[in-house]
PDB file of all heavy atoms in Angstrom:
ATOM      1  N   GLY A   1      -0.114 -19.725  -4.556  1.00  0.00           N
ATOM      2  CA  GLY A   1      -1.375 -20.112  -3.949  1.00  0.00           C
ATOM      3  C   GLY A   1      -2.086 -18.914  -3.345  1.00  0.00           C
ATOM      4  O   GLY A   1      -1.462 -17.919  -2.966  1.00  0.00           O
ATOM      5  N   GLY A   2      -3.402 -19.003  -3.247  1.00  0.00           N
ATOM      6  CA  GLY A   2      -4.215 -17.883  -2.765  1.00  0.00           C
ATOM      7  C   GLY A   2      -3.853 -17.430  -1.363  1.00  0.00           C
ATOM      8  O   GLY A   2      -3.742 -16.234  -1.096  1.00  0.00           O
ATOM      9  N   LYS A   3      -3.621 -18.390  -0.440  1.00  0.00           N
ATOM     10  CA  LYS A   3      -3.321 -18.027   0.947  1.00  0.00           C
ATOM     11  C   LYS A   3      -1.977 -17.312   1.058  1.00  0.00           C
ATOM     12  O   LYS A   3      -1.848 -16.282   1.711  1.00  0.00           O
ATOM     13  CB  LYS A   3      -3.334 -19.275   1.831  1.00  0.00           C
ATOM     14  CG  LYS A   3      -4.730 -19.894   2.000  1.00  0.00           C
ATOM     15  CD  LYS A   3      -4.701 -21.084   2.930  1.00  0.00           C
ATOM     16  CE  LYS A   3      -6.103 -21.666   3.103  1.00  0.00           C
ATOM     17  NZ  LYS A   3      -6.113 -22.829   4.009  1.00  0.00           N
ATOM     18  N   TRP A   4      -0.954 -17.881   0.414  1.00  0.00           N
ATOM     19  CA  TRP A   4       0.372 -17.270   0.490  1.00  0.00           C
ATOM     20  C   TRP A   4       0.395 -15.911  -0.206  1.00  0.00           C
ATOM     21  O   TRP A   4       1.070 -14.988   0.250  1.00  0.00           O
ATOM     22  CB  TRP A   4       1.414 -18.198  -0.130  1.00  0.00           C
ATOM     23  CG  TRP A   4       1.714 -19.385   0.721  1.00  0.00           C
ATOM     24  CD1 TRP A   4       1.383 -20.683   0.484  1.00  0.00           C
ATOM     25  CD2 TRP A   4       2.375 -19.380   1.988  1.00  0.00           C
ATOM     26  NE1 TRP A   4       1.798 -21.492   1.513  1.00  0.00           N
ATOM     27  CE2 TRP A   4       2.421 -20.717   2.455  1.00  0.00           C
ATOM     28  CE3 TRP A   4       2.941 -18.375   2.778  1.00  0.00           C
ATOM     29  CZ2 TRP A   4       3.007 -21.065   3.655  1.00  0.00           C
ATOM     30  CZ3 TRP A   4       3.526 -18.728   3.990  1.00  0.00           C
ATOM     31  CH2 TRP A   4       3.563 -20.057   4.416  1.00  0.00           C
ATOM     32  N   LEU A   5      -0.347 -15.799  -1.295  1.00  0.00           N
ATOM     33  CA  LEU A   5      -0.407 -14.536  -2.014  1.00  0.00           C
ATOM     34  C   LEU A   5      -1.087 -13.473  -1.161  1.00  0.00           C
ATOM     35  O   LEU A   5      -0.665 -12.315  -1.123  1.00  0.00           O
ATOM     36  CB  LEU A   5      -1.159 -14.718  -3.336  1.00  0.00           C
ATOM     37  CG  LEU A   5      -1.172 -13.524  -4.295  1.00  0.00           C
ATOM     38  CD1 LEU A   5       0.238 -13.033  -4.595  1.00  0.00           C
ATOM     39  CD2 LEU A   5      -1.885 -13.906  -5.583  1.00  0.00           C
ATOM     40  N   GLY A   6      -2.154 -13.864  -0.457  1.00  0.00           N
ATOM     41  CA  GLY A   6      -2.832 -12.931   0.429  1.00  0.00           C
ATOM     42  C   GLY A   6      -1.916 -12.428   1.529  1.00  0.00           C
ATOM     43  O   GLY A   6      -1.870 -11.223   1.823  1.00  0.00           O
ATOM     44  N   VAL A   7      -1.169 -13.335   2.135  1.00  0.00           N
ATOM     45  CA  VAL A   7      -0.223 -12.953   3.189  1.00  0.00           C
ATOM     46  C   VAL A   7       0.855 -12.023   2.622  1.00  0.00           C
ATOM     47  O   VAL A   7       1.221 -11.015   3.243  1.00  0.00           O
ATOM     48  CB  VAL A   7       0.425 -14.213   3.816  1.00  0.00           C
ATOM     49  CG1 VAL A   7       1.547 -13.816   4.763  1.00  0.00           C
ATOM     50  CG2 VAL A   7      -0.628 -15.035   4.546  1.00  0.00           C
ATOM     51  N   LEU A   8       1.364 -12.355   1.435  1.00  0.00           N
ATOM     52  CA  LEU A   8       2.404 -11.538   0.810  1.00  0.00           C
ATOM     53  C   LEU A   8       1.905 -10.115   0.540  1.00  0.00           C
ATOM     54  O   LEU A   8       2.611  -9.138   0.834  1.00  0.00           O
ATOM     55  CB  LEU A   8       2.857 -12.191  -0.506  1.00  0.00           C
ATOM     56  CG  LEU A   8       3.891 -11.408  -1.326  1.00  0.00           C
ATOM     57  CD1 LEU A   8       5.190 -11.251  -0.539  1.00  0.00           C
ATOM     58  CD2 LEU A   8       4.160 -12.113  -2.661  1.00  0.00           C
ATOM     59  N   LEU A   9       0.685  -9.992   0.019  1.00  0.00           N
ATOM     60  CA  LEU A   9       0.138  -8.669  -0.278  1.00  0.00           C
ATOM     61  C   LEU A   9      -0.064  -7.852   0.996  1.00  0.00           C
ATOM     62  O   LEU A   9       0.229  -6.656   1.040  1.00  0.00           O
ATOM     63  CB  LEU A   9      -1.190  -8.801  -1.028  1.00  0.00           C
ATOM     64  CG  LEU A   9      -1.100  -9.246  -2.493  1.00  0.00           C
ATOM     65  CD1 LEU A   9      -2.485  -9.524  -3.064  1.00  0.00           C
ATOM     66  CD2 LEU A   9      -0.389  -8.192  -3.332  1.00  0.00           C
ATOM     67  N   VAL A  10      -0.556  -8.509   2.052  1.00  0.00           N
ATOM     68  CA  VAL A  10      -0.755  -7.810   3.332  1.00  0.00           C
ATOM     69  C   VAL A  10       0.572  -7.306   3.876  1.00  0.00           C
ATOM     70  O   VAL A  10       0.679  -6.161   4.350  1.00  0.00           O
ATOM     71  CB  VAL A  10      -1.459  -8.733   4.347  1.00  0.00           C
ATOM     72  CG1 VAL A  10      -1.362  -8.153   5.755  1.00  0.00           C
ATOM     73  CG2 VAL A  10      -2.921  -8.922   3.968  1.00  0.00           C
ATOM     74  N   LEU A  11       1.613  -8.140   3.800  1.00  0.00           N
ATOM     75  CA  LEU A  11       2.935  -7.721   4.287  1.00  0.00           C
ATOM     76  C   LEU A  11       3.485  -6.559   3.468  1.00  0.00           C
ATOM     77  O   LEU A  11       4.078  -5.619   4.016  1.00  0.00           O
ATOM     78  CB  LEU A  11       3.904  -8.900   4.237  1.00  0.00           C
ATOM     79  CG  LEU A  11       3.649 -10.032   5.251  1.00  0.00           C
ATOM     80  CD1 LEU A  11       4.605 -11.194   5.003  1.00  0.00           C
ATOM     81  CD2 LEU A  11       3.788  -9.506   6.678  1.00  0.00           C
ATOM     82  N   LEU A  12       3.273  -6.596   2.151  1.00  0.00           N
ATOM     83  CA  LEU A  12       3.757  -5.515   1.296  1.00  0.00           C
ATOM     84  C   LEU A  12       3.036  -4.207   1.606  1.00  0.00           C
ATOM     85  O   LEU A  12       3.654  -3.142   1.694  1.00  0.00           O
ATOM     86  CB  LEU A  12       3.561  -5.893  -0.181  1.00  0.00           C
ATOM     87  CG  LEU A  12       4.531  -6.937  -0.748  1.00  0.00           C
ATOM     88  CD1 LEU A  12       4.140  -7.316  -2.168  1.00  0.00           C
ATOM     89  CD2 LEU A  12       5.962  -6.408  -0.726  1.00  0.00           C
ATOM     90  N   PHE A  13       1.713  -4.278   1.779  1.00  0.00           N
ATOM     91  CA  PHE A  13       0.952  -3.058   2.045  1.00  0.00           C
ATOM     92  C   PHE A  13       1.169  -2.539   3.460  1.00  0.00           C
ATOM     93  O   PHE A  13       0.924  -1.361   3.735  1.00  0.00           O
ATOM     94  CB  PHE A  13      -0.537  -3.275   1.764  1.00  0.00           C
ATOM     95  CG  PHE A  13      -0.869  -3.262   0.305  1.00  0.00           C
ATOM     96  CD1 PHE A  13      -1.413  -4.366  -0.315  1.00  0.00           C
ATOM     97  CD2 PHE A  13      -0.619  -2.135  -0.461  1.00  0.00           C
ATOM     98  CE1 PHE A  13      -1.702  -4.356  -1.665  1.00  0.00           C
ATOM     99  CE2 PHE A  13      -0.908  -2.105  -1.817  1.00  0.00           C
ATOM    100  CZ  PHE A  13      -1.450  -3.223  -2.426  1.00  0.00           C
ATOM    101  N   ALA A  14       1.612  -3.413   4.365  1.00  0.00           N
ATOM    102  CA  ALA A  14       1.944  -2.941   5.719  1.00  0.00           C
ATOM    103  C   ALA A  14       3.091  -1.937   5.670  1.00  0.00           C
ATOM    104  O   ALA A  14       3.243  -1.101   6.562  1.00  0.00           O
ATOM    105  CB  ALA A  14       2.316  -4.125   6.613  1.00  0.00           C
ATOM    106  N   ALA A  15       3.863  -1.990   4.580  1.00  0.00           N
ATOM    107  CA  ALA A  15       5.000  -1.075   4.437  1.00  0.00           C
ATOM    108  C   ALA A  15       4.562   0.373   4.243  1.00  0.00           C
ATOM    109  O   ALA A  15       5.350   1.295   4.446  1.00  0.00           O
ATOM    110  CB  ALA A  15       5.877  -1.513   3.261  1.00  0.00           C
ATOM    111  N   VAL A  16       3.294   0.603   3.834  1.00  0.00           N
ATOM    112  CA  VAL A  16       2.828   1.986   3.622  1.00  0.00           C
ATOM    113  C   VAL A  16       2.360   2.621   4.922  1.00  0.00           C
ATOM    114  O   VAL A  16       2.055   3.822   4.947  1.00  0.00           O
ATOM    115  CB  VAL A  16       1.688   2.054   2.580  1.00  0.00           C
ATOM    116  CG1 VAL A  16       2.085   1.364   1.300  1.00  0.00           C
ATOM    117  CG2 VAL A  16       0.387   1.469   3.135  1.00  0.00           C
ATOM    118  N   SER A  17       2.307   1.828   6.002  1.00  0.00           N
ATOM    119  CA  SER A  17       1.732   2.343   7.245  1.00  0.00           C
ATOM    120  C   SER A  17       2.415   3.591   7.795  1.00  0.00           C
ATOM    121  O   SER A  17       1.756   4.411   8.444  1.00  0.00           O
ATOM    122  CB  SER A  17       1.709   1.238   8.312  1.00  0.00           C
ATOM    123  OG  SER A  17       3.011   0.755   8.562  1.00  0.00           O
ATOM    124  N   PRO A  18       3.732   3.812   7.569  1.00  0.00           N
ATOM    125  CA  PRO A  18       4.314   5.057   8.090  1.00  0.00           C
ATOM    126  C   PRO A  18       3.841   6.314   7.366  1.00  0.00           C
ATOM    127  O   PRO A  18       4.019   7.424   7.864  1.00  0.00           O
ATOM    128  CB  PRO A  18       5.830   4.857   7.863  1.00  0.00           C
ATOM    129  CG  PRO A  18       6.019   3.393   7.726  1.00  0.00           C
ATOM    130  CD  PRO A  18       4.775   2.917   7.060  1.00  0.00           C
ATOM    131  N   PHE A  19       3.246   6.162   6.163  1.00  0.00           N
ATOM    132  CA  PHE A  19       2.852   7.326   5.380  1.00  0.00           C
ATOM    133  C   PHE A  19       1.437   7.763   5.722  1.00  0.00           C
ATOM    134  O   PHE A  19       0.577   6.946   6.026  1.00  0.00           O
ATOM    135  CB  PHE A  19       2.942   7.019   3.878  1.00  0.00           C
ATOM    136  CG  PHE A  19       4.336   6.682   3.423  1.00  0.00           C
ATOM    137  CD1 PHE A  19       4.744   5.361   3.302  1.00  0.00           C
ATOM    138  CD2 PHE A  19       5.246   7.683   3.131  1.00  0.00           C
ATOM    139  CE1 PHE A  19       6.027   5.041   2.891  1.00  0.00           C
ATOM    140  CE2 PHE A  19       6.528   7.379   2.710  1.00  0.00           C
ATOM    141  CZ  PHE A  19       6.920   6.057   2.593  1.00  0.00           C
ATOM    142  N   HIS A  20       1.198   9.062   5.653  1.00  0.00           N
ATOM    143  CA  HIS A  20      -0.124   9.606   5.932  1.00  0.00           C
ATOM    144  C   HIS A  20      -0.972   9.605   4.676  1.00  0.00           C
ATOM    145  O   HIS A  20      -0.480   9.799   3.562  1.00  0.00           O
ATOM    146  CB  HIS A  20      -0.010  11.039   6.477  1.00  0.00           C
ATOM    147  CG  HIS A  20       0.455  11.084   7.897  1.00  0.00           C
ATOM    148  ND1 HIS A  20      -0.414  11.019   8.968  1.00  0.00           N
ATOM    149  CD2 HIS A  20       1.700  11.165   8.432  1.00  0.00           C
ATOM    150  CE1 HIS A  20       0.279  11.069  10.097  1.00  0.00           C
ATOM    151  NE2 HIS A  20       1.567  11.158   9.794  1.00  0.00           N
ATOM    152  N   TYR A  21      -2.276   9.428   4.885  1.00  0.00           N
ATOM    153  CA  TYR A  21      -3.245   9.336   3.783  1.00  0.00           C
ATOM    154  C   TYR A  21      -3.194  10.549   2.866  1.00  0.00           C
ATOM    155  O   TYR A  21      -3.084  10.428   1.650  1.00  0.00           O
ATOM    156  CB  TYR A  21      -4.645   9.160   4.390  1.00  0.00           C
ATOM    157  CG  TYR A  21      -5.788   9.292   3.414  1.00  0.00           C
ATOM    158  CD1 TYR A  21      -5.968   8.342   2.407  1.00  0.00           C
ATOM    159  CD2 TYR A  21      -6.696  10.335   3.516  1.00  0.00           C
ATOM    160  CE1 TYR A  21      -7.031   8.446   1.527  1.00  0.00           C
ATOM    161  CE2 TYR A  21      -7.755  10.444   2.644  1.00  0.00           C
ATOM    162  CZ  TYR A  21      -7.924   9.497   1.651  1.00  0.00           C
ATOM    163  OH  TYR A  21      -8.972   9.601   0.789  1.00  0.00           O
ATOM    164  N   GLY A  22      -3.270  11.737   3.453  1.00  0.00           N
ATOM    165  CA  GLY A  22      -3.289  12.955   2.644  1.00  0.00           C
ATOM    166  C   GLY A  22      -2.028  13.108   1.812  1.00  0.00           C
ATOM    167  O   GLY A  22      -2.084  13.527   0.651  1.00  0.00           O
ATOM    168  N   GLU A  23      -0.881  12.762   2.399  1.00  0.00           N
ATOM    169  CA  GLU A  23       0.391  12.873   1.676  1.00  0.00           C
ATOM    170  C   GLU A  23       0.444  11.911   0.498  1.00  0.00           C
ATOM    171  O   GLU A  23       0.865  12.264  -0.609  1.00  0.00           O
ATOM    172  CB  GLU A  23       1.554  12.590   2.633  1.00  0.00           C
ATOM    173  CG  GLU A  23       1.708  13.613   3.746  1.00  0.00           C
ATOM    174  CD  GLU A  23       2.716  13.162   4.796  1.00  0.00           C
ATOM    175  OE1 GLU A  23       3.179  11.997   4.695  1.00  0.00           O
ATOM    176  OE2 GLU A  23       3.020  13.956   5.701  1.00  0.00           O
ATOM    177  N   LEU A  24       0.021  10.659   0.735  1.00  0.00           N
ATOM    178  CA  LEU A  24       0.034   9.661  -0.334  1.00  0.00           C
ATOM    179  C   LEU A  24      -0.909  10.060  -1.466  1.00  0.00           C
ATOM    180  O   LEU A  24      -0.559   9.988  -2.641  1.00  0.00           O
ATOM    181  CB  LEU A  24      -0.379   8.291   0.220  1.00  0.00           C
ATOM    182  CG  LEU A  24       0.710   7.441   0.861  1.00  0.00           C
ATOM    183  CD1 LEU A  24       0.103   6.174   1.449  1.00  0.00           C
ATOM    184  CD2 LEU A  24       1.780   7.075  -0.143  1.00  0.00           C
ATOM    185  N   LEU A  25      -2.137  10.462  -1.102  1.00  0.00           N
ATOM    186  CA  LEU A  25      -3.116  10.819  -2.125  1.00  0.00           C
ATOM    187  C   LEU A  25      -2.645  12.008  -2.945  1.00  0.00           C
ATOM    188  O   LEU A  25      -2.768  12.016  -4.181  1.00  0.00           O
ATOM    189  CB  LEU A  25      -4.481  11.105  -1.471  1.00  0.00           C
ATOM    190  CG  LEU A  25      -5.672  11.293  -2.415  1.00  0.00           C
ATOM    191  CD1 LEU A  25      -6.951  10.761  -1.774  1.00  0.00           C
ATOM    192  CD2 LEU A  25      -5.870  12.754  -2.795  1.00  0.00           C
ATOM    193  N   SER A  26      -2.107  13.026  -2.288  1.00  0.00           N
ATOM    194  CA  SER A  26      -1.658  14.236  -2.984  1.00  0.00           C
ATOM    195  C   SER A  26      -0.543  13.945  -3.975  1.00  0.00           C
ATOM    196  O   SER A  26      -0.418  14.632  -4.986  1.00  0.00           O
ATOM    197  CB  SER A  26      -1.184  15.286  -1.975  1.00  0.00           C
ATOM    198  OG  SER A  26      -2.246  15.688  -1.147  1.00  0.00           O
ATOM    199  N   PHE A  27       0.262  12.916  -3.702  1.00  0.00           N
ATOM    200  CA  PHE A  27       1.357  12.575  -4.617  1.00  0.00           C
ATOM    201  C   PHE A  27       0.921  11.573  -5.688  1.00  0.00           C
ATOM    202  O   PHE A  27       1.166  11.776  -6.883  1.00  0.00           O
ATOM    203  CB  PHE A  27       2.535  11.996  -3.816  1.00  0.00           C
ATOM    204  CG  PHE A  27       3.630  11.436  -4.690  1.00  0.00           C
ATOM    205  CD1 PHE A  27       4.469  12.283  -5.405  1.00  0.00           C
ATOM    206  CD2 PHE A  27       3.797  10.061  -4.803  1.00  0.00           C
ATOM    207  CE1 PHE A  27       5.469  11.762  -6.221  1.00  0.00           C
ATOM    208  CE2 PHE A  27       4.798   9.536  -5.608  1.00  0.00           C
ATOM    209  CZ  PHE A  27       5.633  10.394  -6.313  1.00  0.00           C
ATOM    210  N   ILE A  28       0.257  10.488  -5.263  1.00  0.00           N
ATOM    211  CA  ILE A  28      -0.030   9.377  -6.169  1.00  0.00           C
ATOM    212  C   ILE A  28      -1.158   9.690  -7.152  1.00  0.00           C
ATOM    213  O   ILE A  28      -1.044   9.423  -8.353  1.00  0.00           O
ATOM    214  CB  ILE A  28      -0.345   8.097  -5.357  1.00  0.00           C
ATOM    215  CG1 ILE A  28       0.944   7.580  -4.710  1.00  0.00           C
ATOM    216  CG2 ILE A  28      -0.964   7.024  -6.231  1.00  0.00           C
ATOM    217  CD1 ILE A  28       0.749   6.365  -3.836  1.00  0.00           C
ATOM    218  N   TYR A  29      -2.273  10.278  -6.668  1.00  0.00           N
ATOM    219  CA  TYR A  29      -3.424  10.472  -7.547  1.00  0.00           C
ATOM    220  C   TYR A  29      -3.125  11.413  -8.719  1.00  0.00           C
ATOM    221  O   TYR A  29      -3.442  11.088  -9.863  1.00  0.00           O
ATOM    222  CB  TYR A  29      -4.628  10.969  -6.742  1.00  0.00           C
ATOM    223  CG  TYR A  29      -5.424   9.845  -6.091  1.00  0.00           C
ATOM    224  CD1 TYR A  29      -4.787   8.691  -5.628  1.00  0.00           C
ATOM    225  CD2 TYR A  29      -6.797   9.926  -5.933  1.00  0.00           C
ATOM    226  CE1 TYR A  29      -5.498   7.671  -5.039  1.00  0.00           C
ATOM    227  CE2 TYR A  29      -7.519   8.902  -5.347  1.00  0.00           C
ATOM    228  CZ  TYR A  29      -6.868   7.776  -4.897  1.00  0.00           C
ATOM    229  OH  TYR A  29      -7.586   6.756  -4.317  1.00  0.00           O
ATOM    230  N   PRO A  30      -2.540  12.606  -8.481  1.00  0.00           N
ATOM    231  CA  PRO A  30      -2.216  13.458  -9.640  1.00  0.00           C
ATOM    232  C   PRO A  30      -1.227  12.794 -10.593  1.00  0.00           C
ATOM    233  O   PRO A  30      -1.353  12.929 -11.810  1.00  0.00           O
ATOM    234  CB  PRO A  30      -1.613  14.711  -8.990  1.00  0.00           C
ATOM    235  CG  PRO A  30      -2.182  14.744  -7.619  1.00  0.00           C
ATOM    236  CD  PRO A  30      -2.271  13.298  -7.213  1.00  0.00           C
ATOM    237  N   LEU A  31      -0.229  12.078 -10.055  1.00  0.00           N
ATOM    238  CA  LEU A  31       0.752  11.391 -10.893  1.00  0.00           C
ATOM    239  C   LEU A  31       0.060  10.384 -11.811  1.00  0.00           C
ATOM    240  O   LEU A  31       0.293  10.361 -13.031  1.00  0.00           O
ATOM    241  CB  LEU A  31       1.786  10.680 -10.019  1.00  0.00           C
ATOM    242  CG  LEU A  31       2.801   9.791 -10.752  1.00  0.00           C
ATOM    243  CD1 LEU A  31       3.677  10.631 -11.676  1.00  0.00           C
ATOM    244  CD2 LEU A  31       3.646   9.007  -9.760  1.00  0.00           C
ATOM    245  N   PHE A  32      -0.807   9.559 -11.241  1.00  0.00           N
ATOM    246  CA  PHE A  32      -1.532   8.569 -12.037  1.00  0.00           C
ATOM    247  C   PHE A  32      -2.517   9.246 -12.992  1.00  0.00           C
ATOM    248  O   PHE A  32      -2.803   8.728 -14.074  1.00  0.00           O
ATOM    249  CB  PHE A  32      -2.267   7.587 -11.127  1.00  0.00           C
ATOM    250  CG  PHE A  32      -1.355   6.645 -10.385  1.00  0.00           C
ATOM    251  CD1 PHE A  32      -1.826   5.882  -9.328  1.00  0.00           C
ATOM    252  CD2 PHE A  32      -0.024   6.522 -10.742  1.00  0.00           C
ATOM    253  CE1 PHE A  32      -0.988   5.010  -8.646  1.00  0.00           C
ATOM    254  CE2 PHE A  32       0.829   5.657 -10.061  1.00  0.00           C
ATOM    255  CZ  PHE A  32       0.344   4.901  -9.015  1.00  0.00           C
TER     256      PHE A  32
END
């Protein structure tokens, strides 16, 4: 369902909060 899926995605993305923007971009963007 849309509501549960939204909550699930928010919880999953909350896991990236310890990482810094510049570090993530420098690794993920060139790789992709």
